[in-house]
N, C-alpha and C. Protein backbone atom coordinates (compact mmCIF):
# COMPACT_ATOMS: atom_id res chain seq x y z
N MET A 1 0.84 -1.18 0.00
CA MET A 1 0.00 0.00 0.00
C MET A 1 0.88 1.25 0.00
N ALA A 2 0.46 2.25 -0.77
CA ALA A 2 1.20 3.49 -0.87
C ALA A 2 0.42 4.60 -0.15
N LYS A 3 1.12 5.42 0.60
CA LYS A 3 0.51 6.54 1.31
C LYS A 3 0.76 7.79 0.48
N LEU A 4 -0.32 8.49 0.11
CA LEU A 4 -0.24 9.64 -0.78
C LEU A 4 -0.97 10.85 -0.21
N ILE A 5 -0.60 12.03 -0.71
CA ILE A 5 -1.30 13.28 -0.43
C ILE A 5 -1.97 13.70 -1.73
N LEU A 6 -3.29 13.79 -1.73
CA LEU A 6 -4.01 14.19 -2.94
C LEU A 6 -3.81 15.67 -3.21
N THR A 7 -3.53 16.02 -4.47
CA THR A 7 -3.35 17.42 -4.85
C THR A 7 -4.62 18.01 -5.44
N GLN A 8 -5.55 17.14 -5.83
CA GLN A 8 -6.86 17.60 -6.29
C GLN A 8 -7.88 16.51 -6.03
N GLU A 9 -9.14 16.85 -6.18
CA GLU A 9 -10.20 15.90 -5.86
C GLU A 9 -10.19 14.73 -6.83
N VAL A 10 -10.29 13.53 -6.28
CA VAL A 10 -10.38 12.31 -7.07
C VAL A 10 -11.69 11.65 -6.67
N SER A 11 -12.57 11.48 -7.63
CA SER A 11 -13.89 10.94 -7.35
C SER A 11 -13.78 9.56 -6.72
N GLY A 12 -14.47 9.38 -5.60
CA GLY A 12 -14.47 8.11 -4.90
C GLY A 12 -13.28 7.88 -3.99
N LEU A 13 -12.35 8.82 -3.93
CA LEU A 13 -11.16 8.64 -3.11
C LEU A 13 -11.01 9.73 -2.06
N GLY A 14 -11.09 10.99 -2.47
CA GLY A 14 -10.96 12.08 -1.51
C GLY A 14 -10.77 13.42 -2.19
N ALA A 15 -10.59 14.43 -1.35
CA ALA A 15 -10.43 15.80 -1.84
C ALA A 15 -8.98 16.23 -1.71
N ALA A 16 -8.66 17.37 -2.29
CA ALA A 16 -7.30 17.90 -2.24
C ALA A 16 -6.87 18.11 -0.80
N GLY A 17 -5.67 17.64 -0.47
CA GLY A 17 -5.15 17.79 0.87
C GLY A 17 -5.39 16.58 1.74
N ASP A 18 -6.17 15.62 1.28
CA ASP A 18 -6.41 14.41 2.06
C ASP A 18 -5.22 13.46 1.95
N ILE A 19 -4.94 12.75 3.02
CA ILE A 19 -3.90 11.74 3.02
C ILE A 19 -4.60 10.39 2.90
N VAL A 20 -4.27 9.63 1.85
CA VAL A 20 -4.95 8.37 1.57
C VAL A 20 -3.94 7.25 1.38
N GLU A 21 -4.40 6.03 1.58
CA GLU A 21 -3.60 4.85 1.30
C GLU A 21 -4.28 4.09 0.17
N VAL A 22 -3.53 3.85 -0.90
CA VAL A 22 -4.05 3.13 -2.06
C VAL A 22 -3.07 2.04 -2.46
N LYS A 23 -3.50 1.15 -3.31
CA LYS A 23 -2.61 0.10 -3.79
C LYS A 23 -1.50 0.70 -4.63
N ASP A 24 -0.34 0.05 -4.59
CA ASP A 24 0.85 0.57 -5.26
C ASP A 24 0.62 0.82 -6.75
N GLY A 25 -0.05 -0.10 -7.43
CA GLY A 25 -0.27 0.04 -8.87
C GLY A 25 -1.14 1.24 -9.21
N TYR A 26 -2.18 1.47 -8.42
CA TYR A 26 -3.07 2.62 -8.63
C TYR A 26 -2.29 3.92 -8.46
N ALA A 27 -1.43 3.94 -7.45
CA ALA A 27 -0.61 5.14 -7.21
C ALA A 27 0.40 5.33 -8.34
N ARG A 28 1.12 4.29 -8.66
CA ARG A 28 2.21 4.36 -9.64
C ARG A 28 1.71 4.61 -11.06
N ASN A 29 0.58 3.98 -11.43
CA ASN A 29 0.13 4.03 -12.82
C ASN A 29 -0.92 5.09 -13.11
N TYR A 30 -1.62 5.59 -12.07
CA TYR A 30 -2.70 6.53 -12.33
C TYR A 30 -2.53 7.85 -11.59
N LEU A 31 -2.47 7.81 -10.27
CA LEU A 31 -2.49 9.04 -9.49
C LEU A 31 -1.23 9.88 -9.65
N LEU A 32 -0.08 9.28 -9.52
CA LEU A 32 1.18 10.04 -9.59
C LEU A 32 1.48 10.57 -10.99
N PRO A 33 1.36 9.78 -12.07
CA PRO A 33 1.67 10.33 -13.41
C PRO A 33 0.75 11.47 -13.84
N ARG A 34 -0.50 11.46 -13.39
CA ARG A 34 -1.44 12.51 -13.77
C ARG A 34 -1.37 13.73 -12.86
N GLY A 35 -0.57 13.66 -11.81
CA GLY A 35 -0.42 14.80 -10.91
C GLY A 35 -1.55 14.93 -9.91
N TYR A 36 -2.33 13.87 -9.72
CA TYR A 36 -3.43 13.90 -8.76
C TYR A 36 -2.95 13.74 -7.32
N ALA A 37 -1.71 13.28 -7.14
CA ALA A 37 -1.22 13.02 -5.80
C ALA A 37 0.30 13.17 -5.73
N LEU A 38 0.79 13.33 -4.50
CA LEU A 38 2.22 13.35 -4.20
C LEU A 38 2.49 12.24 -3.20
N THR A 39 3.70 11.69 -3.23
CA THR A 39 4.02 10.68 -2.23
C THR A 39 4.11 11.34 -0.87
N TRP A 40 3.65 10.63 0.16
CA TRP A 40 3.61 11.17 1.50
C TRP A 40 4.99 11.05 2.12
N THR A 41 5.44 12.15 2.74
CA THR A 41 6.67 12.17 3.52
C THR A 41 6.40 12.96 4.79
N LYS A 42 7.29 12.82 5.75
CA LYS A 42 7.11 13.59 6.99
C LYS A 42 7.17 15.08 6.71
N GLY A 43 8.01 15.49 5.78
CA GLY A 43 8.10 16.90 5.40
C GLY A 43 6.92 17.34 4.56
N GLY A 44 6.14 16.39 4.05
CA GLY A 44 5.00 16.70 3.20
C GLY A 44 3.82 17.30 3.94
N GLU A 45 3.87 17.30 5.27
CA GLU A 45 2.77 17.90 6.04
C GLU A 45 2.62 19.38 5.73
N LYS A 46 3.72 20.05 5.37
CA LYS A 46 3.64 21.47 4.96
C LYS A 46 2.84 21.58 3.66
N ASP A 47 3.06 20.61 2.77
CA ASP A 47 2.31 20.60 1.51
C ASP A 47 0.82 20.42 1.75
N VAL A 48 0.47 19.58 2.72
CA VAL A 48 -0.94 19.33 3.04
C VAL A 48 -1.62 20.64 3.43
N GLU A 49 -1.00 21.41 4.29
CA GLU A 49 -1.59 22.68 4.72
C GLU A 49 -1.72 23.66 3.55
N ARG A 50 -0.71 23.70 2.68
CA ARG A 50 -0.75 24.59 1.52
C ARG A 50 -1.87 24.18 0.56
N ILE A 51 -2.01 22.88 0.33
CA ILE A 51 -3.04 22.37 -0.57
C ILE A 51 -4.43 22.64 0.00
N ARG A 52 -4.61 22.42 1.30
CA ARG A 52 -5.91 22.67 1.93
C ARG A 52 -6.27 24.15 1.90
N ALA A 53 -5.27 25.03 2.07
CA ALA A 53 -5.53 26.47 2.02
C ALA A 53 -5.95 26.88 0.61
N ALA A 54 -5.30 26.32 -0.41
CA ALA A 54 -5.67 26.63 -1.79
C ALA A 54 -7.07 26.12 -2.11
N ARG A 55 -7.41 24.93 -1.60
CA ARG A 55 -8.75 24.37 -1.82
C ARG A 55 -9.80 25.24 -1.17
N LYS A 56 -9.52 25.71 0.04
CA LYS A 56 -10.47 26.55 0.76
C LYS A 56 -10.69 27.88 0.03
N ALA A 57 -9.63 28.42 -0.58
CA ALA A 57 -9.75 29.68 -1.32
C ALA A 57 -10.61 29.50 -2.57
N ARG A 58 -10.54 28.32 -3.22
CA ARG A 58 -11.32 28.06 -4.43
C ARG A 58 -12.75 27.67 -4.12
N GLU A 59 -12.97 27.12 -2.95
CA GLU A 59 -14.27 26.57 -2.58
C GLU A 59 -15.32 27.67 -2.42
N ILE A 60 -16.53 27.35 -2.76
CA ILE A 60 -17.63 28.27 -2.57
C ILE A 60 -17.96 28.29 -1.08
N ALA A 61 -18.12 29.46 -0.53
CA ALA A 61 -18.18 29.64 0.92
C ALA A 61 -19.36 28.94 1.60
N THR A 62 -20.56 29.12 1.11
CA THR A 62 -21.71 28.59 1.84
C THR A 62 -22.55 27.67 0.97
N VAL A 63 -23.34 26.86 1.61
CA VAL A 63 -24.23 25.95 0.89
C VAL A 63 -25.28 26.73 0.12
N GLU A 64 -25.79 27.82 0.72
CA GLU A 64 -26.81 28.63 0.05
C GLU A 64 -26.27 29.23 -1.25
N GLU A 65 -25.04 29.72 -1.20
CA GLU A 65 -24.42 30.29 -2.39
C GLU A 65 -24.24 29.21 -3.46
N ALA A 66 -23.82 28.03 -3.05
CA ALA A 66 -23.64 26.92 -3.99
C ALA A 66 -24.96 26.50 -4.60
N GLN A 67 -26.03 26.49 -3.81
CA GLN A 67 -27.35 26.13 -4.34
C GLN A 67 -27.85 27.17 -5.33
N ALA A 68 -27.55 28.43 -5.09
CA ALA A 68 -27.95 29.49 -6.03
C ALA A 68 -27.22 29.31 -7.36
N ILE A 69 -25.94 29.00 -7.30
CA ILE A 69 -25.17 28.77 -8.53
C ILE A 69 -25.69 27.52 -9.23
N ALA A 70 -26.03 26.47 -8.48
CA ALA A 70 -26.55 25.24 -9.07
C ALA A 70 -27.85 25.50 -9.82
N GLU A 71 -28.74 26.31 -9.24
CA GLU A 71 -30.00 26.64 -9.91
C GLU A 71 -29.74 27.37 -11.21
N LYS A 72 -28.76 28.28 -11.20
CA LYS A 72 -28.43 29.01 -12.42
C LYS A 72 -27.89 28.06 -13.49
N LEU A 73 -27.01 27.13 -13.07
CA LEU A 73 -26.42 26.19 -14.03
C LEU A 73 -27.46 25.25 -14.63
N GLN A 74 -28.46 24.88 -13.83
CA GLN A 74 -29.48 23.94 -14.31
C GLN A 74 -30.61 24.62 -15.06
N SER A 75 -30.62 25.94 -15.08
CA SER A 75 -31.74 26.66 -15.69
C SER A 75 -31.74 26.60 -17.21
N GLN A 76 -30.59 26.48 -17.82
CA GLN A 76 -30.52 26.46 -19.28
C GLN A 76 -29.35 25.60 -19.73
N PRO A 77 -29.45 25.03 -20.94
CA PRO A 77 -28.33 24.24 -21.45
C PRO A 77 -27.17 25.14 -21.85
N VAL A 78 -25.98 24.60 -21.78
CA VAL A 78 -24.77 25.34 -22.14
C VAL A 78 -24.34 24.88 -23.52
N LYS A 79 -24.18 25.84 -24.45
CA LYS A 79 -23.77 25.52 -25.81
C LYS A 79 -22.25 25.57 -25.91
N ILE A 80 -21.69 24.56 -26.55
CA ILE A 80 -20.24 24.49 -26.77
C ILE A 80 -20.02 24.32 -28.26
N GLY A 81 -19.38 25.30 -28.88
CA GLY A 81 -19.06 25.24 -30.30
C GLY A 81 -17.69 24.62 -30.50
N VAL A 82 -17.63 23.58 -31.33
CA VAL A 82 -16.37 22.86 -31.56
C VAL A 82 -16.18 22.58 -33.05
N LYS A 83 -14.93 22.36 -33.45
CA LYS A 83 -14.63 22.00 -34.82
C LYS A 83 -15.05 20.56 -35.06
N THR A 84 -15.73 20.35 -36.20
CA THR A 84 -16.18 18.99 -36.52
C THR A 84 -15.83 18.65 -37.96
N GLY A 85 -15.85 17.36 -38.23
CA GLY A 85 -15.70 16.88 -39.60
C GLY A 85 -17.05 16.90 -40.28
N GLU A 86 -17.12 16.38 -41.49
CA GLU A 86 -18.38 16.40 -42.24
C GLU A 86 -19.45 15.52 -41.61
N SER A 87 -19.07 14.45 -40.95
CA SER A 87 -20.05 13.52 -40.38
C SER A 87 -20.53 13.95 -38.99
N GLY A 88 -20.03 15.06 -38.46
CA GLY A 88 -20.44 15.53 -37.14
C GLY A 88 -19.55 15.05 -36.02
N ARG A 89 -18.49 14.30 -36.35
CA ARG A 89 -17.55 13.86 -35.32
C ARG A 89 -16.58 14.99 -35.02
N LEU A 90 -16.18 15.09 -33.75
CA LEU A 90 -15.29 16.15 -33.31
C LEU A 90 -13.84 15.82 -33.64
N PHE A 91 -13.03 16.84 -33.74
CA PHE A 91 -11.59 16.68 -33.80
C PHE A 91 -11.11 16.68 -32.36
N GLY A 92 -11.00 15.51 -31.75
CA GLY A 92 -10.66 15.40 -30.34
C GLY A 92 -11.93 15.21 -29.52
N THR A 93 -11.88 15.59 -28.25
CA THR A 93 -13.04 15.47 -27.37
C THR A 93 -13.26 16.77 -26.62
N VAL A 94 -14.44 16.93 -26.05
CA VAL A 94 -14.73 18.08 -25.21
C VAL A 94 -14.32 17.72 -23.79
N GLY A 95 -13.50 18.56 -23.17
CA GLY A 95 -13.02 18.29 -21.82
C GLY A 95 -13.61 19.24 -20.79
N ALA A 96 -13.21 19.02 -19.56
CA ALA A 96 -13.72 19.81 -18.44
C ALA A 96 -13.36 21.30 -18.58
N ALA A 97 -12.17 21.58 -19.11
CA ALA A 97 -11.76 22.98 -19.28
C ALA A 97 -12.67 23.70 -20.27
N GLN A 98 -13.02 23.04 -21.38
CA GLN A 98 -13.91 23.66 -22.37
C GLN A 98 -15.31 23.88 -21.78
N ILE A 99 -15.76 22.96 -20.95
CA ILE A 99 -17.08 23.10 -20.33
C ILE A 99 -17.07 24.29 -19.37
N ALA A 100 -16.01 24.41 -18.57
CA ALA A 100 -15.90 25.54 -17.63
C ALA A 100 -15.87 26.87 -18.37
N GLU A 101 -15.15 26.92 -19.50
CA GLU A 101 -15.09 28.15 -20.31
C GLU A 101 -16.47 28.47 -20.90
N ALA A 102 -17.19 27.46 -21.37
CA ALA A 102 -18.51 27.68 -21.96
C ALA A 102 -19.51 28.17 -20.92
N VAL A 103 -19.42 27.66 -19.70
CA VAL A 103 -20.31 28.11 -18.62
C VAL A 103 -20.06 29.59 -18.34
N GLU A 104 -18.79 29.97 -18.28
CA GLU A 104 -18.46 31.37 -18.02
C GLU A 104 -18.89 32.26 -19.18
N ALA A 105 -18.70 31.78 -20.42
CA ALA A 105 -19.08 32.56 -21.60
C ALA A 105 -20.60 32.73 -21.67
N ALA A 106 -21.35 31.76 -21.15
CA ALA A 106 -22.81 31.85 -21.17
C ALA A 106 -23.34 32.77 -20.08
N GLY A 107 -22.44 33.28 -19.23
CA GLY A 107 -22.85 34.19 -18.17
C GLY A 107 -23.48 33.50 -16.97
N LEU A 108 -23.15 32.23 -16.78
CA LEU A 108 -23.73 31.47 -15.66
C LEU A 108 -22.81 31.41 -14.46
N GLY A 109 -21.71 32.13 -14.51
CA GLY A 109 -20.79 32.14 -13.38
C GLY A 109 -19.48 31.44 -13.72
N SER A 110 -18.60 31.46 -12.78
CA SER A 110 -17.28 30.86 -12.96
C SER A 110 -17.20 29.58 -12.13
N ILE A 111 -16.81 28.47 -12.78
CA ILE A 111 -16.64 27.22 -12.07
C ILE A 111 -15.23 26.70 -12.29
N ASP A 112 -14.75 25.90 -11.38
CA ASP A 112 -13.42 25.32 -11.46
C ASP A 112 -13.50 24.07 -12.33
N LYS A 113 -12.62 23.95 -13.31
CA LYS A 113 -12.66 22.80 -14.21
C LYS A 113 -12.44 21.48 -13.47
N ARG A 114 -11.79 21.52 -12.32
CA ARG A 114 -11.55 20.29 -11.57
C ARG A 114 -12.81 19.75 -10.91
N THR A 115 -13.86 20.55 -10.86
CA THR A 115 -15.11 20.10 -10.23
C THR A 115 -16.08 19.51 -11.24
N VAL A 116 -15.73 19.52 -12.53
CA VAL A 116 -16.61 19.03 -13.59
C VAL A 116 -16.32 17.54 -13.82
N GLU A 117 -17.39 16.74 -13.78
CA GLU A 117 -17.26 15.31 -14.07
C GLU A 117 -18.11 14.99 -15.30
N ILE A 118 -17.47 14.35 -16.28
CA ILE A 118 -18.13 14.00 -17.53
C ILE A 118 -18.27 12.47 -17.55
N PRO A 119 -19.51 11.94 -17.49
CA PRO A 119 -19.67 10.49 -17.41
C PRO A 119 -19.28 9.74 -18.68
N GLU A 120 -19.43 10.37 -19.84
CA GLU A 120 -19.08 9.71 -21.10
C GLU A 120 -18.23 10.66 -21.94
N ARG A 121 -17.37 10.09 -22.77
CA ARG A 121 -16.53 10.94 -23.62
C ARG A 121 -17.39 11.61 -24.67
N ILE A 122 -17.15 12.88 -24.89
CA ILE A 122 -17.93 13.65 -25.85
C ILE A 122 -17.12 13.71 -27.14
N LYS A 123 -17.55 12.91 -28.15
CA LYS A 123 -16.81 12.79 -29.39
C LYS A 123 -17.62 13.23 -30.61
N ALA A 124 -18.90 13.57 -30.41
CA ALA A 124 -19.74 13.93 -31.55
C ALA A 124 -20.69 15.05 -31.14
N VAL A 125 -21.29 15.68 -32.13
CA VAL A 125 -22.26 16.74 -31.90
C VAL A 125 -23.51 16.12 -31.27
N GLY A 126 -24.13 16.82 -30.31
CA GLY A 126 -25.34 16.31 -29.69
C GLY A 126 -25.55 16.85 -28.29
N SER A 127 -26.47 16.22 -27.58
CA SER A 127 -26.79 16.60 -26.20
C SER A 127 -26.11 15.66 -25.23
N TYR A 128 -25.52 16.23 -24.19
CA TYR A 128 -24.81 15.45 -23.18
C TYR A 128 -25.12 16.04 -21.81
N SER A 129 -24.73 15.30 -20.79
CA SER A 129 -24.88 15.82 -19.44
C SER A 129 -23.56 15.67 -18.70
N ALA A 130 -23.37 16.54 -17.73
CA ALA A 130 -22.18 16.51 -16.87
C ALA A 130 -22.63 16.96 -15.49
N THR A 131 -21.80 16.69 -14.49
CA THR A 131 -22.11 17.16 -13.15
C THR A 131 -21.00 18.07 -12.68
N VAL A 132 -21.38 19.03 -11.85
CA VAL A 132 -20.43 19.97 -11.28
C VAL A 132 -20.59 19.91 -9.76
N LYS A 133 -19.50 19.59 -9.07
CA LYS A 133 -19.53 19.53 -7.62
C LYS A 133 -19.16 20.91 -7.09
N LEU A 134 -20.18 21.66 -6.67
CA LEU A 134 -19.98 23.04 -6.24
C LEU A 134 -19.58 23.15 -4.77
N HIS A 135 -20.03 22.22 -3.98
CA HIS A 135 -19.77 22.22 -2.54
C HIS A 135 -19.84 20.77 -2.10
N ALA A 136 -19.40 20.49 -0.89
CA ALA A 136 -19.42 19.11 -0.40
C ALA A 136 -20.84 18.53 -0.43
N ASP A 137 -21.86 19.38 -0.24
CA ASP A 137 -23.24 18.92 -0.20
C ASP A 137 -24.05 19.28 -1.44
N VAL A 138 -23.48 20.02 -2.40
CA VAL A 138 -24.24 20.51 -3.54
C VAL A 138 -23.58 20.09 -4.85
N THR A 139 -24.35 19.37 -5.67
CA THR A 139 -23.91 18.97 -7.00
C THR A 139 -24.95 19.43 -7.99
N ALA A 140 -24.50 20.01 -9.11
CA ALA A 140 -25.43 20.50 -10.13
C ALA A 140 -25.32 19.65 -11.39
N ALA A 141 -26.47 19.32 -11.97
CA ALA A 141 -26.50 18.63 -13.26
C ALA A 141 -26.45 19.69 -14.35
N LEU A 142 -25.61 19.46 -15.32
CA LEU A 142 -25.39 20.45 -16.37
C LEU A 142 -25.79 19.83 -17.70
N ASP A 143 -26.67 20.50 -18.46
CA ASP A 143 -27.05 20.05 -19.80
C ASP A 143 -26.13 20.72 -20.80
N LEU A 144 -25.52 19.92 -21.66
CA LEU A 144 -24.58 20.44 -22.66
C LEU A 144 -25.13 20.23 -24.05
N GLN A 145 -25.02 21.25 -24.90
CA GLN A 145 -25.38 21.15 -26.31
C GLN A 145 -24.09 21.36 -27.11
N VAL A 146 -23.56 20.30 -27.65
CA VAL A 146 -22.34 20.39 -28.45
C VAL A 146 -22.76 20.61 -29.89
N VAL A 147 -22.33 21.75 -30.45
CA VAL A 147 -22.70 22.14 -31.81
C VAL A 147 -21.44 22.41 -32.62
N ALA A 148 -21.59 22.32 -33.93
CA ALA A 148 -20.47 22.59 -34.83
C ALA A 148 -20.19 24.09 -34.86
N ALA A 149 -18.91 24.45 -34.74
CA ALA A 149 -18.53 25.87 -34.80
C ALA A 149 -18.59 26.33 -36.24
N LYS A 150 -18.92 27.60 -36.40
CA LYS A 150 -19.03 28.15 -37.75
C LYS A 150 -17.70 28.63 -38.26
């Protein structure tokens, strides 16, 4: 088992700044190469405090504020214009960063791309859904309309 410090939220495992124990292969092949975690050391406790402070600064302060943002996000679908081929397939996929930019461009507020979870890969034009974890107790469902850019 490997002891790690998470640098960002990992679904089903923990939030940034948490100290977790995972199997060696999961740490070596997934968490560490993607930058989701750091190996735990005695000197790493300073990193934990720094990571938790950064998470707290990014976090939405109250549940009421998070619920207000969730209502705004769920009120209308978010359009994302992307380059496509003739058959409607995308050049690449739509990621969390593009979704966060589209939400901000639509005037629905600013969200952190690390809080966006996409259940299926978006490879073609159409309607999709994603979730945004705004607070520990508040998650918003987001309707996405992927359209061909002009």
